[in-house]
Amino acid sequence: MSTALIRPYRHGDHVAIASIFCRAVHEIGIRHYTVAQCEAWSGTKPDPGHWEQRCERKKPFVSIVDGEIAGFLELDPDGHIDCAYVNPDFQRRGIMSALVKHAVGVAAEGGLSRVYVEASIGARPMFGRLGFVVLCEQQVAIGGETLVNYRMEFVLP
């Protein structure tokens, strides 16, 4: 297995990020959510225009494997992990765990007291293995659908 490099977002990464988001929801999220819920969550096809604007504002971290973006994670200045998705072709290879650990390190270096996330049903176990604790289960309304997720946090030492 190749080693992943984590780096800041660069202009142009949004095309791959748009695809990863849509594919991850429809190919990974579908294991825990209905087709209608996945369509409400991400639409039916990638939206590079939306992701270009979002990424230019949020500046996510990206994981690069063999020159390809394998995953991405947005860390807000207050320690909130807003989006964290892996390319389905790279799942179960530690990509997301490495991105989360990187984000926790950046938050710690920035003097934050915690990192928190609203984890999907499928992401909850990975965050738990990394030391995040479930604060509550949530029902989130989006696009006429209701999705379950989990508010989780990692308290920094």
C-alpha atoms as a PDB file:
ATOM      1  CA  MET A   1       0.000   0.000   0.000  1.00  0.00           C
ATOM      2  CA  SER A   2       1.242   3.475  -0.833  1.00  0.00           C
ATOM      3  CA  THR A   3       1.662   6.043   1.903  1.00  0.00           C
ATOM      4  CA  ALA A   4      -0.830   8.883   1.902  1.00  0.00           C
ATOM      5  CA  LEU A   5       0.284  12.489   1.948  1.00  0.00           C
ATOM      6  CA  ILE A   6      -1.976  15.006   3.689  1.00  0.00           C
ATOM      7  CA  ARG A   7      -1.830  18.541   2.378  1.00  0.00           C
ATOM      8  CA  PRO A   8      -4.005  21.669   2.320  1.00  0.00           C
ATOM      9  CA  TYR A   9      -6.573  22.176  -0.431  1.00  0.00           C
ATOM     10  CA  ARG A  10      -5.304  23.602  -3.704  1.00  0.00           C
ATOM     11  CA  HIS A  11      -7.417  25.360  -6.287  1.00  0.00           C
ATOM     12  CA  GLY A  12      -8.657  22.696  -8.689  1.00  0.00           C
ATOM     13  CA  ASP A  13      -9.008  19.959  -6.034  1.00  0.00           C
ATOM     14  CA  HIS A  14     -12.734  20.741  -5.911  1.00  0.00           C
ATOM     15  CA  VAL A  15     -13.465  18.611  -8.992  1.00  0.00           C
ATOM     16  CA  ALA A  16     -12.210  15.439  -7.288  1.00  0.00           C
ATOM     17  CA  ILE A  17     -13.781  16.495  -3.974  1.00  0.00           C
ATOM     18  CA  ALA A  18     -17.202  16.922  -5.626  1.00  0.00           C
ATOM     19  CA  SER A  19     -16.936  13.431  -7.064  1.00  0.00           C
ATOM     20  CA  ILE A  20     -15.701  11.908  -3.796  1.00  0.00           C
ATOM     21  CA  PHE A  21     -18.562  13.477  -1.830  1.00  0.00           C
ATOM     22  CA  CYS A  22     -21.224  12.185  -4.206  1.00  0.00           C
ATOM     23  CA  ARG A  23     -19.663   8.735  -4.597  1.00  0.00           C
ATOM     24  CA  ALA A  24     -19.076   8.323  -0.856  1.00  0.00           C
ATOM     25  CA  VAL A  25     -22.691   9.126  -0.023  1.00  0.00           C
ATOM     26  CA  HIS A  26     -24.117   6.873  -2.749  1.00  0.00           C
ATOM     27  CA  GLU A  27     -21.619   3.990  -2.494  1.00  0.00           C
ATOM     28  CA  ILE A  28     -20.757   3.969   1.225  1.00  0.00           C
ATOM     29  CA  GLY A  29     -23.623   5.867   2.889  1.00  0.00           C
ATOM     30  CA  ILE A  30     -26.196   3.712   1.106  1.00  0.00           C
ATOM     31  CA  ARG A  31     -25.318   0.905   3.530  1.00  0.00           C
ATOM     32  CA  HIS A  32     -27.015   2.855   6.326  1.00  0.00           C
ATOM     33  CA  TYR A  33     -29.403   5.253   4.593  1.00  0.00           C
ATOM     34  CA  THR A  34     -32.106   4.893   1.940  1.00  0.00           C
ATOM     35  CA  VAL A  35     -31.695   5.966  -1.686  1.00  0.00           C
ATOM     36  CA  ALA A  36     -34.015   8.922  -1.002  1.00  0.00           C
ATOM     37  CA  GLN A  37     -31.929   9.948   2.030  1.00  0.00           C
ATOM     38  CA  CYS A  38     -28.688   9.723   0.019  1.00  0.00           C
ATOM     39  CA  GLU A  39     -30.179  11.800  -2.800  1.00  0.00           C
ATOM     40  CA  ALA A  40     -31.332  14.448  -0.302  1.00  0.00           C
ATOM     41  CA  TRP A  41     -27.849  14.421   1.268  1.00  0.00           C
ATOM     42  CA  SER A  42     -25.787  14.792  -1.903  1.00  0.00           C
ATOM     43  CA  GLY A  43     -28.016  15.089  -4.943  1.00  0.00           C
ATOM     44  CA  THR A  44     -27.701  12.576  -7.754  1.00  0.00           C
ATOM     45  CA  LYS A  45     -24.496  13.806  -9.404  1.00  0.00           C
ATOM     46  CA  PRO A  46     -21.374  15.765  -8.406  1.00  0.00           C
ATOM     47  CA  ASP A  47     -21.663  19.562  -8.264  1.00  0.00           C
ATOM     48  CA  PRO A  48     -18.150  20.960  -8.877  1.00  0.00           C
ATOM     49  CA  GLY A  49     -19.386  24.583  -8.871  1.00  0.00           C
ATOM     50  CA  HIS A  50     -20.786  24.229  -5.365  1.00  0.00           C
ATOM     51  CA  TRP A  51     -17.631  22.486  -4.159  1.00  0.00           C
ATOM     52  CA  GLU A  52     -15.326  25.072  -5.729  1.00  0.00           C
ATOM     53  CA  GLN A  53     -17.018  27.846  -3.725  1.00  0.00           C
ATOM     54  CA  ARG A  54     -17.123  25.744  -0.563  1.00  0.00           C
ATOM     55  CA  CYS A  55     -13.498  24.570  -0.792  1.00  0.00           C
ATOM     56  CA  GLU A  56     -12.167  28.045  -1.527  1.00  0.00           C
ATOM     57  CA  ARG A  57     -13.895  29.157   1.696  1.00  0.00           C
ATOM     58  CA  LYS A  58     -13.293  26.093   3.910  1.00  0.00           C
ATOM     59  CA  LYS A  59      -9.810  25.043   2.681  1.00  0.00           C
ATOM     60  CA  PRO A  60     -10.109  21.314   3.517  1.00  0.00           C
ATOM     61  CA  PHE A  61      -7.215  18.943   4.060  1.00  0.00           C
ATOM     62  CA  VAL A  62      -6.831  16.371   1.297  1.00  0.00           C
ATOM     63  CA  SER A  63      -5.193  12.967   1.371  1.00  0.00           C
ATOM     64  CA  ILE A  64      -3.148  12.090  -1.718  1.00  0.00           C
ATOM     65  CA  VAL A  65      -2.354   8.477  -2.661  1.00  0.00           C
ATOM     66  CA  ASP A  66      -0.402   7.796  -5.851  1.00  0.00           C
ATOM     67  CA  GLY A  67      -1.131  11.324  -7.068  1.00  0.00           C
ATOM     68  CA  GLU A  68      -4.897  10.978  -6.581  1.00  0.00           C
ATOM     69  CA  ILE A  69      -7.125  12.617  -3.967  1.00  0.00           C
ATOM     70  CA  ALA A  70      -8.242   9.722  -1.768  1.00  0.00           C
ATOM     71  CA  GLY A  71     -10.220  11.719   0.793  1.00  0.00           C
ATOM     72  CA  PHE A  72     -10.838  15.134   2.290  1.00  0.00           C
ATOM     73  CA  LEU A  73     -11.757  16.715   5.612  1.00  0.00           C
ATOM     74  CA  GLU A  74     -12.908  20.217   6.550  1.00  0.00           C
ATOM     75  CA  LEU A  75     -11.802  21.528   9.951  1.00  0.00           C
ATOM     76  CA  ASP A  76     -13.461  24.767  11.025  1.00  0.00           C
ATOM     77  CA  PRO A  77     -11.514  27.236  13.217  1.00  0.00           C
ATOM     78  CA  ASP A  78     -13.586  26.213  16.278  1.00  0.00           C
ATOM     79  CA  GLY A  79     -12.631  22.519  15.954  1.00  0.00           C
ATOM     80  CA  HIS A  80     -15.721  21.380  14.046  1.00  0.00           C
ATOM     81  CA  ILE A  81     -15.126  18.670  11.444  1.00  0.00           C
ATOM     82  CA  ASP A  82     -17.777  19.750   8.955  1.00  0.00           C
ATOM     83  CA  CYS A  83     -17.181  17.314   6.085  1.00  0.00           C
ATOM     84  CA  ALA A  84     -15.045  14.181   5.985  1.00  0.00           C
ATOM     85  CA  TYR A  85     -15.315  11.790   3.054  1.00  0.00           C
ATOM     86  CA  VAL A  86     -13.155   9.121   1.439  1.00  0.00           C
ATOM     87  CA  ASN A  87     -13.113   7.998  -2.171  1.00  0.00           C
ATOM     88  CA  PRO A  88     -14.830   4.567  -2.144  1.00  0.00           C
ATOM     89  CA  ASP A  89     -11.877   3.170  -4.119  1.00  0.00           C
ATOM     90  CA  PHE A  90      -9.651   3.917  -1.098  1.00  0.00           C
ATOM     91  CA  GLN A  91     -11.910   2.968   1.809  1.00  0.00           C
ATOM     92  CA  ARG A  92     -10.699   0.730   4.629  1.00  0.00           C
ATOM     93  CA  ARG A  93      -7.077   1.804   4.066  1.00  0.00           C
ATOM     94  CA  GLY A  94      -6.748   4.234   6.989  1.00  0.00           C
ATOM     95  CA  ILE A  95      -7.228   7.356   4.857  1.00  0.00           C
ATOM     96  CA  MET A  96      -9.980   8.884   6.995  1.00  0.00           C
ATOM     97  CA  SER A  97      -8.340   7.893  10.275  1.00  0.00           C
ATOM     98  CA  ALA A  98      -5.165   9.679   9.146  1.00  0.00           C
ATOM     99  CA  LEU A  99      -7.144  12.776   8.125  1.00  0.00           C
ATOM    100  CA  VAL A 100      -8.948  12.873  11.492  1.00  0.00           C
ATOM    101  CA  LYS A 101      -5.693  12.426  13.426  1.00  0.00           C
ATOM    102  CA  HIS A 102      -4.171  15.236  11.349  1.00  0.00           C
ATOM    103  CA  ALA A 103      -7.145  17.501  12.124  1.00  0.00           C
ATOM    104  CA  VAL A 104      -6.915  16.712  15.848  1.00  0.00           C
ATOM    105  CA  GLY A 105      -3.205  17.597  15.752  1.00  0.00           C
ATOM    106  CA  VAL A 106      -3.892  20.887  13.978  1.00  0.00           C
ATOM    107  CA  ALA A 107      -6.614  21.709  16.529  1.00  0.00           C
ATOM    108  CA  ALA A 108      -4.259  20.917  19.421  1.00  0.00           C
ATOM    109  CA  GLU A 109      -1.499  23.084  17.899  1.00  0.00           C
ATOM    110  CA  GLY A 110      -4.078  25.864  17.571  1.00  0.00           C
ATOM    111  CA  GLY A 111      -4.863  25.706  21.282  1.00  0.00           C
ATOM    112  CA  LEU A 112      -8.395  24.357  20.921  1.00  0.00           C
ATOM    113  CA  SER A 113      -9.968  22.386  23.757  1.00  0.00           C
ATOM    114  CA  ARG A 114     -11.928  19.945  21.597  1.00  0.00           C
ATOM    115  CA  VAL A 115     -12.735  18.650  18.119  1.00  0.00           C
ATOM    116  CA  TYR A 116     -16.331  17.748  17.325  1.00  0.00           C
ATOM    117  CA  VAL A 117     -18.304  16.213  14.484  1.00  0.00           C
ATOM    118  CA  GLU A 118     -21.758  15.096  13.425  1.00  0.00           C
ATOM    119  CA  ALA A 119     -20.851  11.560  12.335  1.00  0.00           C
ATOM    120  CA  SER A 120     -22.968   9.467  10.012  1.00  0.00           C
ATOM    121  CA  ILE A 121     -24.054   6.005  11.099  1.00  0.00           C
ATOM    122  CA  GLY A 122     -21.198   4.505   9.078  1.00  0.00           C
ATOM    123  CA  ALA A 123     -18.537   6.949  10.332  1.00  0.00           C
ATOM    124  CA  ARG A 124     -19.463   6.670  14.004  1.00  0.00           C
ATOM    125  CA  PRO A 125     -17.360   3.516  14.697  1.00  0.00           C
ATOM    126  CA  MET A 126     -14.218   5.017  13.122  1.00  0.00           C
ATOM    127  CA  PHE A 127     -14.540   8.199  15.182  1.00  0.00           C
ATOM    128  CA  GLY A 128     -15.141   6.067  18.288  1.00  0.00           C
ATOM    129  CA  ARG A 129     -11.944   4.073  17.656  1.00  0.00           C
ATOM    130  CA  LEU A 130     -10.072   7.390  17.507  1.00  0.00           C
ATOM    131  CA  GLY A 131     -11.336   8.429  20.937  1.00  0.00           C
ATOM    132  CA  PHE A 132     -14.400  10.492  20.036  1.00  0.00           C
ATOM    133  CA  VAL A 133     -17.333  10.106  22.435  1.00  0.00           C
ATOM    134  CA  VAL A 134     -21.003  10.195  21.413  1.00  0.00           C
ATOM    135  CA  LEU A 135     -22.776  13.162  23.005  1.00  0.00           C
ATOM    136  CA  CYS A 136     -26.173  12.449  21.440  1.00  0.00           C
ATOM    137  CA  GLU A 137     -28.027  10.930  18.512  1.00  0.00           C
ATOM    138  CA  GLN A 138     -29.590  13.519  16.218  1.00  0.00           C
ATOM    139  CA  GLN A 139     -32.383  13.542  13.640  1.00  0.00           C
ATOM    140  CA  VAL A 140     -31.350  15.909  10.830  1.00  0.00           C
ATOM    141  CA  ALA A 141     -33.857  17.158   8.246  1.00  0.00           C
ATOM    142  CA  ILE A 142     -32.460  17.682   4.743  1.00  0.00           C
ATOM    143  CA  GLY A 143     -34.237  17.865   1.414  1.00  0.00           C
ATOM    144  CA  GLY A 144     -37.481  16.502   2.838  1.00  0.00           C
ATOM    145  CA  GLU A 145     -35.741  13.507   4.428  1.00  0.00           C
ATOM    146  CA  THR A 146     -34.665  12.832   8.011  1.00  0.00           C
ATOM    147  CA  LEU A 147     -31.234  11.309   8.614  1.00  0.00           C
ATOM    148  CA  VAL A 148     -29.732  10.016  11.846  1.00  0.00           C
ATOM    149  CA  ASN A 149     -26.255  11.133  12.840  1.00  0.00           C
ATOM    150  CA  TYR A 150     -24.252  11.361  16.051  1.00  0.00           C
ATOM    151  CA  ARG A 151     -22.811  14.436  17.684  1.00  0.00           C
ATOM    152  CA  MET A 152     -19.385  13.325  18.896  1.00  0.00           C
ATOM    153  CA  GLU A 153     -16.417  15.069  20.457  1.00  0.00           C
ATOM    154  CA  PHE A 154     -12.772  14.507  21.259  1.00  0.00           C
ATOM    155  CA  VAL A 155     -11.546  16.513  24.234  1.00  0.00           C
ATOM    156  CA  LEU A 156      -7.950  17.631  23.770  1.00  0.00           C
ATOM    157  CA  PRO A 157      -5.549  17.325  26.702  1.00  0.00           C
END
